[in-house]
């Protein structure tokens, strides 16, 4: 049978956040009912068209009747049954902060967005998330902490304080620029682009007592 549902999707694939209230339609195309095997709330990627028997201890079979299934159950069935269906991805060019181009997927499959779990005896969709950390942010934050360690403890001359303020402002602006510089969007990162600490500040800090 076929059944189409509307699903809430995140603002951006693989990143936590649903503030834009985005939705997308997905279609189930498969048997009228399926059984899935659950082990410690984790749904097996396999499915059955007849109720499985002689399951190992701790595992149970759960039936999905597509004609009366909830949208979440239909979504689970789409992910389990239609995951291997032929799918042609489409892309749009997205310009990164360093002018490199990221080919952003515009039509992800449902399993690109969600995993299936069972929580409280009910199917649940759990967003697929990737690690968003990148070395540029790590370096910038490290330098920010180094400068603020001294600026929070000492009163500097007007000239030196101006240098501190300018650098911290530049670094804050840079961090905003690379906020969405996620690893999957880049082939490589140029770590030399992170704003460097002015040598005058390094000399000044080195002249101070160790904190």
C-alpha atoms as a PDB file:
ATOM      1  CA  UNK A   1       0.000   0.000   0.000  1.00  0.00           C
ATOM      2  CA  UNK A   2       0.968   3.653  -0.254  1.00  0.00           C
ATOM      3  CA  UNK A   3       0.586   6.268   2.421  1.00  0.00           C
ATOM      4  CA  UNK A   4       1.992   9.810   2.490  1.00  0.00           C
ATOM      5  CA  UNK A   5       2.659  11.702   5.701  1.00  0.00           C
ATOM      6  CA  UNK A   6       3.931  15.157   6.599  1.00  0.00           C
ATOM      7  CA  UNK A   7       6.895  15.145   8.977  1.00  0.00           C
ATOM      8  CA  UNK A   8       8.519  17.934  10.971  1.00  0.00           C
ATOM      9  CA  UNK A   9      12.109  18.343   9.821  1.00  0.00           C
ATOM     10  CA  UNK A  10      14.991  20.264  11.402  1.00  0.00           C
ATOM     11  CA  UNK A  11      16.141  23.690  10.274  1.00  0.00           C
ATOM     12  CA  UNK A  12      19.283  22.052   8.904  1.00  0.00           C
ATOM     13  CA  UNK A  13      20.132  18.424   8.248  1.00  0.00           C
ATOM     14  CA  UNK A  14      22.200  16.817  11.050  1.00  0.00           C
ATOM     15  CA  UNK A  15      22.008  19.913  13.275  1.00  0.00           C
ATOM     16  CA  UNK A  16      19.749  20.210  16.306  1.00  0.00           C
ATOM     17  CA  UNK A  17      17.020  22.832  15.946  1.00  0.00           C
ATOM     18  CA  UNK A  18      13.401  23.092  14.758  1.00  0.00           C
ATOM     19  CA  UNK A  19      12.800  26.838  15.064  1.00  0.00           C
ATOM     20  CA  UNK A  20      11.729  27.344  11.436  1.00  0.00           C
ATOM     21  CA  UNK A  21       8.765  24.929  11.667  1.00  0.00           C
ATOM     22  CA  UNK A  22       9.811  23.178   8.459  1.00  0.00           C
ATOM     23  CA  UNK A  23       7.971  20.099   7.172  1.00  0.00           C
ATOM     24  CA  UNK A  24       8.389  17.622   4.332  1.00  0.00           C
ATOM     25  CA  UNK A  25       6.285  14.866   2.816  1.00  0.00           C
ATOM     26  CA  UNK A  26       7.396  11.238   2.693  1.00  0.00           C
ATOM     27  CA  UNK A  27       5.607   8.242   1.185  1.00  0.00           C
ATOM     28  CA  UNK A  28       5.415   4.670   2.423  1.00  0.00           C
ATOM     29  CA  UNK A  29       5.223   2.037  -0.295  1.00  0.00           C
ATOM     30  CA  UNK A  30       5.146  -1.514   0.988  1.00  0.00           C
ATOM     31  CA  UNK A  31       3.193  -4.288   2.714  1.00  0.00           C
ATOM     32  CA  UNK A  32      -0.070  -3.534   4.520  1.00  0.00           C
ATOM     33  CA  UNK A  33       1.492  -4.654   7.770  1.00  0.00           C
ATOM     34  CA  UNK A  34       4.973  -5.374   9.014  1.00  0.00           C
ATOM     35  CA  UNK A  35       6.613  -6.644  12.174  1.00  0.00           C
ATOM     36  CA  UNK A  36       9.822  -5.215  13.555  1.00  0.00           C
ATOM     37  CA  UNK A  37      12.120  -6.573  16.226  1.00  0.00           C
ATOM     38  CA  UNK A  38      13.020  -4.453  19.232  1.00  0.00           C
ATOM     39  CA  UNK A  39      16.004  -4.994  21.506  1.00  0.00           C
ATOM     40  CA  UNK A  40      16.495  -2.594  24.445  1.00  0.00           C
ATOM     41  CA  UNK A  41      14.392   0.107  22.722  1.00  0.00           C
ATOM     42  CA  UNK A  42      16.493  -0.189  19.567  1.00  0.00           C
ATOM     43  CA  UNK A  43      14.623  -1.167  16.403  1.00  0.00           C
ATOM     44  CA  UNK A  44      16.347  -3.716  14.190  1.00  0.00           C
ATOM     45  CA  UNK A  45      16.911  -2.507  10.602  1.00  0.00           C
ATOM     46  CA  UNK A  46      15.201  -5.680   9.359  1.00  0.00           C
ATOM     47  CA  UNK A  47      11.439  -6.108   9.080  1.00  0.00           C
ATOM     48  CA  UNK A  48       9.101  -9.040   8.579  1.00  0.00           C
ATOM     49  CA  UNK A  49       5.844  -9.523   6.690  1.00  0.00           C
ATOM     50  CA  UNK A  50       4.848 -12.318   9.088  1.00  0.00           C
ATOM     51  CA  UNK A  51       5.163 -12.306  12.854  1.00  0.00           C
ATOM     52  CA  UNK A  52       8.604 -13.664  13.766  1.00  0.00           C
ATOM     53  CA  UNK A  53       8.839 -16.491  16.280  1.00  0.00           C
ATOM     54  CA  UNK A  54      11.541 -17.940  18.508  1.00  0.00           C
ATOM     55  CA  UNK A  55      13.152 -14.585  19.124  1.00  0.00           C
ATOM     56  CA  UNK A  56      16.198 -14.477  21.412  1.00  0.00           C
ATOM     57  CA  UNK A  57      15.561 -13.509  25.060  1.00  0.00           C
ATOM     58  CA  UNK A  58      15.081  -9.760  25.556  1.00  0.00           C
ATOM     59  CA  UNK A  59      13.800  -9.160  22.039  1.00  0.00           C
ATOM     60  CA  UNK A  60      10.197  -8.627  21.038  1.00  0.00           C
ATOM     61  CA  UNK A  61       8.247  -8.184  17.814  1.00  0.00           C
ATOM     62  CA  UNK A  62       6.032  -5.162  17.314  1.00  0.00           C
ATOM     63  CA  UNK A  63       3.418  -4.939  14.580  1.00  0.00           C
ATOM     64  CA  UNK A  64       2.659  -1.905  12.442  1.00  0.00           C
ATOM     65  CA  UNK A  65      -0.690  -1.997  10.635  1.00  0.00           C
ATOM     66  CA  UNK A  66      -0.287   0.684   8.004  1.00  0.00           C
ATOM     67  CA  UNK A  67      -3.991   1.272   7.436  1.00  0.00           C
ATOM     68  CA  UNK A  68      -4.489   2.482  11.013  1.00  0.00           C
ATOM     69  CA  UNK A  69      -0.919   3.474  11.892  1.00  0.00           C
ATOM     70  CA  UNK A  70      -0.044   6.816  13.417  1.00  0.00           C
ATOM     71  CA  UNK A  71       2.183   9.176  11.464  1.00  0.00           C
ATOM     72  CA  UNK A  72       5.118   8.177  13.667  1.00  0.00           C
ATOM     73  CA  UNK A  73       4.490   4.498  12.955  1.00  0.00           C
ATOM     74  CA  UNK A  74       4.254   5.211   9.226  1.00  0.00           C
ATOM     75  CA  UNK A  75       7.514   7.158   9.447  1.00  0.00           C
ATOM     76  CA  UNK A  76       9.129   4.187  11.165  1.00  0.00           C
ATOM     77  CA  UNK A  77       7.849   1.921   8.388  1.00  0.00           C
ATOM     78  CA  UNK A  78       9.212   4.251   5.705  1.00  0.00           C
ATOM     79  CA  UNK A  79      12.645   4.186   7.318  1.00  0.00           C
ATOM     80  CA  UNK A  80      12.622   0.403   7.707  1.00  0.00           C
ATOM     81  CA  UNK A  81      10.943  -0.675   4.448  1.00  0.00           C
ATOM     82  CA  UNK A  82      11.863   2.026   1.950  1.00  0.00           C
ATOM     83  CA  UNK A  83      15.449   2.674   3.023  1.00  0.00           C
ATOM     84  CA  UNK A  84      16.828   0.739   0.048  1.00  0.00           C
ATOM     85  CA  UNK A  85      14.505   2.304  -2.518  1.00  0.00           C
ATOM     86  CA  UNK A  86      16.163   4.105  -5.415  1.00  0.00           C
ATOM     87  CA  UNK A  87      16.548   7.763  -4.558  1.00  0.00           C
ATOM     88  CA  UNK A  88      18.127  10.557  -6.566  1.00  0.00           C
ATOM     89  CA  UNK A  89      19.465  13.288  -4.332  1.00  0.00           C
ATOM     90  CA  UNK A  90      19.254  16.876  -5.457  1.00  0.00           C
ATOM     91  CA  UNK A  91      21.625  19.587  -4.300  1.00  0.00           C
ATOM     92  CA  UNK A  92      22.010  23.322  -4.106  1.00  0.00           C
ATOM     93  CA  UNK A  93      25.324  25.162  -3.907  1.00  0.00           C
ATOM     94  CA  UNK A  94      25.975  26.807  -0.560  1.00  0.00           C
ATOM     95  CA  UNK A  95      28.949  29.155  -0.219  1.00  0.00           C
ATOM     96  CA  UNK A  96      31.043  28.589   2.881  1.00  0.00           C
ATOM     97  CA  UNK A  97      32.751  31.369   4.811  1.00  0.00           C
ATOM     98  CA  UNK A  98      36.013  30.692   2.943  1.00  0.00           C
ATOM     99  CA  UNK A  99      34.271  30.807  -0.473  1.00  0.00           C
ATOM    100  CA  UNK A 100      34.433  27.038  -0.926  1.00  0.00           C
ATOM    101  CA  UNK A 101      31.211  25.410  -2.124  1.00  0.00           C
ATOM    102  CA  UNK A 102      29.144  22.896  -0.173  1.00  0.00           C
ATOM    103  CA  UNK A 103      26.600  20.806  -2.083  1.00  0.00           C
ATOM    104  CA  UNK A 104      23.653  20.868   0.324  1.00  0.00           C
ATOM    105  CA  UNK A 105      21.084  18.082  -0.015  1.00  0.00           C
ATOM    106  CA  UNK A 106      17.640  19.504  -0.739  1.00  0.00           C
ATOM    107  CA  UNK A 107      15.683  16.228  -0.661  1.00  0.00           C
ATOM    108  CA  UNK A 108      17.054  14.027   2.125  1.00  0.00           C
ATOM    109  CA  UNK A 109      15.550  10.597   2.721  1.00  0.00           C
ATOM    110  CA  UNK A 110      13.669  10.199   5.985  1.00  0.00           C
ATOM    111  CA  UNK A 111      16.401   7.932   7.353  1.00  0.00           C
ATOM    112  CA  UNK A 112      18.911  10.735   6.740  1.00  0.00           C
ATOM    113  CA  UNK A 113      16.940  12.785   9.259  1.00  0.00           C
ATOM    114  CA  UNK A 114      15.704  10.306  11.860  1.00  0.00           C
ATOM    115  CA  UNK A 115      16.491   7.046  13.611  1.00  0.00           C
ATOM    116  CA  UNK A 116      13.705   4.832  14.961  1.00  0.00           C
ATOM    117  CA  UNK A 117      13.509   3.893  18.620  1.00  0.00           C
ATOM    118  CA  UNK A 118      10.773   2.597  20.883  1.00  0.00           C
ATOM    119  CA  UNK A 119      10.170   4.658  24.000  1.00  0.00           C
ATOM    120  CA  UNK A 120       7.465   3.679  26.450  1.00  0.00           C
ATOM    121  CA  UNK A 121       6.192   0.959  24.095  1.00  0.00           C
ATOM    122  CA  UNK A 122       5.621   3.527  21.325  1.00  0.00           C
ATOM    123  CA  UNK A 123       7.651   4.275  18.244  1.00  0.00           C
ATOM    124  CA  UNK A 124       9.673   7.463  18.389  1.00  0.00           C
ATOM    125  CA  UNK A 125      11.783   9.343  15.863  1.00  0.00           C
ATOM    126  CA  UNK A 126      15.179  10.505  17.091  1.00  0.00           C
ATOM    127  CA  UNK A 127      17.012  13.101  15.031  1.00  0.00           C
ATOM    128  CA  UNK A 128      20.265  12.031  13.372  1.00  0.00           C
ATOM    129  CA  UNK A 129      22.938  14.440  14.593  1.00  0.00           C
ATOM    130  CA  UNK A 130      26.560  14.859  13.558  1.00  0.00           C
ATOM    131  CA  UNK A 131      29.461  16.367  15.463  1.00  0.00           C
ATOM    132  CA  UNK A 132      29.507  20.071  14.585  1.00  0.00           C
ATOM    133  CA  UNK A 133      32.850  20.868  16.231  1.00  0.00           C
ATOM    134  CA  UNK A 134      35.590  22.243  14.015  1.00  0.00           C
ATOM    135  CA  UNK A 135      39.242  23.200  14.653  1.00  0.00           C
ATOM    136  CA  UNK A 136      38.710  26.862  13.745  1.00  0.00           C
ATOM    137  CA  UNK A 137      36.264  27.368  16.594  1.00  0.00           C
ATOM    138  CA  UNK A 138      38.487  25.454  18.995  1.00  0.00           C
ATOM    139  CA  UNK A 139      41.524  27.620  18.200  1.00  0.00           C
ATOM    140  CA  UNK A 140      39.533  30.857  18.335  1.00  0.00           C
ATOM    141  CA  UNK A 141      38.004  29.968  21.702  1.00  0.00           C
ATOM    142  CA  UNK A 142      41.406  29.007  23.064  1.00  0.00           C
ATOM    143  CA  UNK A 143      42.826  32.398  22.082  1.00  0.00           C
ATOM    144  CA  UNK A 144      39.750  34.151  23.460  1.00  0.00           C
ATOM    145  CA  UNK A 145      40.242  32.439  26.822  1.00  0.00           C
ATOM    146  CA  UNK A 146      43.931  33.318  26.887  1.00  0.00           C
ATOM    147  CA  UNK A 147      43.325  37.036  26.330  1.00  0.00           C
ATOM    148  CA  UNK A 148      40.346  37.249  28.658  1.00  0.00           C
ATOM    149  CA  UNK A 149      42.301  35.535  31.410  1.00  0.00           C
ATOM    150  CA  UNK A 150      44.468  38.651  31.620  1.00  0.00           C
ATOM    151  CA  UNK A 151      41.913  41.290  30.653  1.00  0.00           C
ATOM    152  CA  UNK A 152      39.611  40.148  33.459  1.00  0.00           C
ATOM    153  CA  UNK A 153      42.392  40.377  36.037  1.00  0.00           C
ATOM    154  CA  UNK A 154      44.310  43.532  35.147  1.00  0.00           C
ATOM    155  CA  UNK A 155      43.718  47.213  34.374  1.00  0.00           C
ATOM    156  CA  UNK A 156      45.762  48.203  31.349  1.00  0.00           C
ATOM    157  CA  UNK A 157      46.760  51.523  29.912  1.00  0.00           C
ATOM    158  CA  UNK A 158      44.291  53.097  27.523  1.00  0.00           C
ATOM    159  CA  UNK A 159      46.404  52.056  24.557  1.00  0.00           C
ATOM    160  CA  UNK A 160      46.810  48.452  25.713  1.00  0.00           C
ATOM    161  CA  UNK A 161      43.130  48.157  26.666  1.00  0.00           C
ATOM    162  CA  UNK A 162      42.204  49.365  23.193  1.00  0.00           C
ATOM    163  CA  UNK A 163      44.373  46.596  21.702  1.00  0.00           C
ATOM    164  CA  UNK A 164      42.677  44.022  23.934  1.00  0.00           C
ATOM    165  CA  UNK A 165      39.187  45.274  23.051  1.00  0.00           C
ATOM    166  CA  UNK A 166      39.916  45.383  19.328  1.00  0.00           C
ATOM    167  CA  UNK A 167      41.275  41.857  19.299  1.00  0.00           C
ATOM    168  CA  UNK A 168      38.365  40.444  21.318  1.00  0.00           C
ATOM    169  CA  UNK A 169      35.885  42.187  19.011  1.00  0.00           C
ATOM    170  CA  UNK A 170      37.614  40.803  15.927  1.00  0.00           C
ATOM    171  CA  UNK A 171      37.639  37.333  17.439  1.00  0.00           C
ATOM    172  CA  UNK A 172      33.944  37.528  18.370  1.00  0.00           C
ATOM    173  CA  UNK A 173      33.094  38.585  14.821  1.00  0.00           C
ATOM    174  CA  UNK A 174      35.166  35.735  13.440  1.00  0.00           C
ATOM    175  CA  UNK A 175      33.441  33.186  15.683  1.00  0.00           C
ATOM    176  CA  UNK A 176      30.101  34.405  14.381  1.00  0.00           C
ATOM    177  CA  UNK A 177      31.358  33.958  10.817  1.00  0.00           C
ATOM    178  CA  UNK A 178      32.333  30.312  11.379  1.00  0.00           C
ATOM    179  CA  UNK A 179      29.316  29.412  13.517  1.00  0.00           C
ATOM    180  CA  UNK A 180      28.041  27.063  10.798  1.00  0.00           C
ATOM    181  CA  UNK A 181      31.382  25.880   9.472  1.00  0.00           C
ATOM    182  CA  UNK A 182      30.377  22.265  10.042  1.00  0.00           C
ATOM    183  CA  UNK A 183      32.918  19.533   9.183  1.00  0.00           C
ATOM    184  CA  UNK A 184      30.825  17.872   6.463  1.00  0.00           C
ATOM    185  CA  UNK A 185      30.739  21.156   4.524  1.00  0.00           C
ATOM    186  CA  UNK A 186      34.518  21.426   4.124  1.00  0.00           C
ATOM    187  CA  UNK A 187      37.235  19.390   2.479  1.00  0.00           C
ATOM    188  CA  UNK A 188      39.811  21.082   4.694  1.00  0.00           C
ATOM    189  CA  UNK A 189      40.142  24.015   7.104  1.00  0.00           C
ATOM    190  CA  UNK A 190      42.717  26.787   6.935  1.00  0.00           C
ATOM    191  CA  UNK A 191      43.655  27.176  10.593  1.00  0.00           C
ATOM    192  CA  UNK A 192      45.981  30.077   9.773  1.00  0.00           C
ATOM    193  CA  UNK A 193      42.935  32.272   9.131  1.00  0.00           C
ATOM    194  CA  UNK A 194      42.003  32.459  12.821  1.00  0.00           C
ATOM    195  CA  UNK A 195      42.809  36.017  14.034  1.00  0.00           C
ATOM    196  CA  UNK A 196      46.243  35.982  15.634  1.00  0.00           C
ATOM    197  CA  UNK A 197      46.989  37.552  18.998  1.00  0.00           C
ATOM    198  CA  UNK A 198      48.922  40.811  18.462  1.00  0.00           C
ATOM    199  CA  UNK A 199      52.528  40.465  19.524  1.00  0.00           C
ATOM    200  CA  UNK A 200      52.172  43.582  21.700  1.00  0.00           C
ATOM    201  CA  UNK A 201      49.588  41.750  23.812  1.00  0.00           C
ATOM    202  CA  UNK A 202      51.675  38.601  24.093  1.00  0.00           C
ATOM    203  CA  UNK A 203      54.657  40.673  25.237  1.00  0.00           C
ATOM    204  CA  UNK A 204      52.452  42.528  27.724  1.00  0.00           C
ATOM    205  CA  UNK A 205      50.937  39.350  29.166  1.00  0.00           C
ATOM    206  CA  UNK A 206      54.335  37.697  29.479  1.00  0.00           C
ATOM    207  CA  UNK A 207      55.516  40.624  31.566  1.00  0.00           C
ATOM    208  CA  UNK A 208      52.751  40.058  34.113  1.00  0.00           C
ATOM    209  CA  UNK A 209      52.768  37.635  37.056  1.00  0.00           C
ATOM    210  CA  UNK A 210      51.609  34.154  36.173  1.00  0.00           C
ATOM    211  CA  UNK A 211      47.891  33.705  36.848  1.00  0.00           C
END
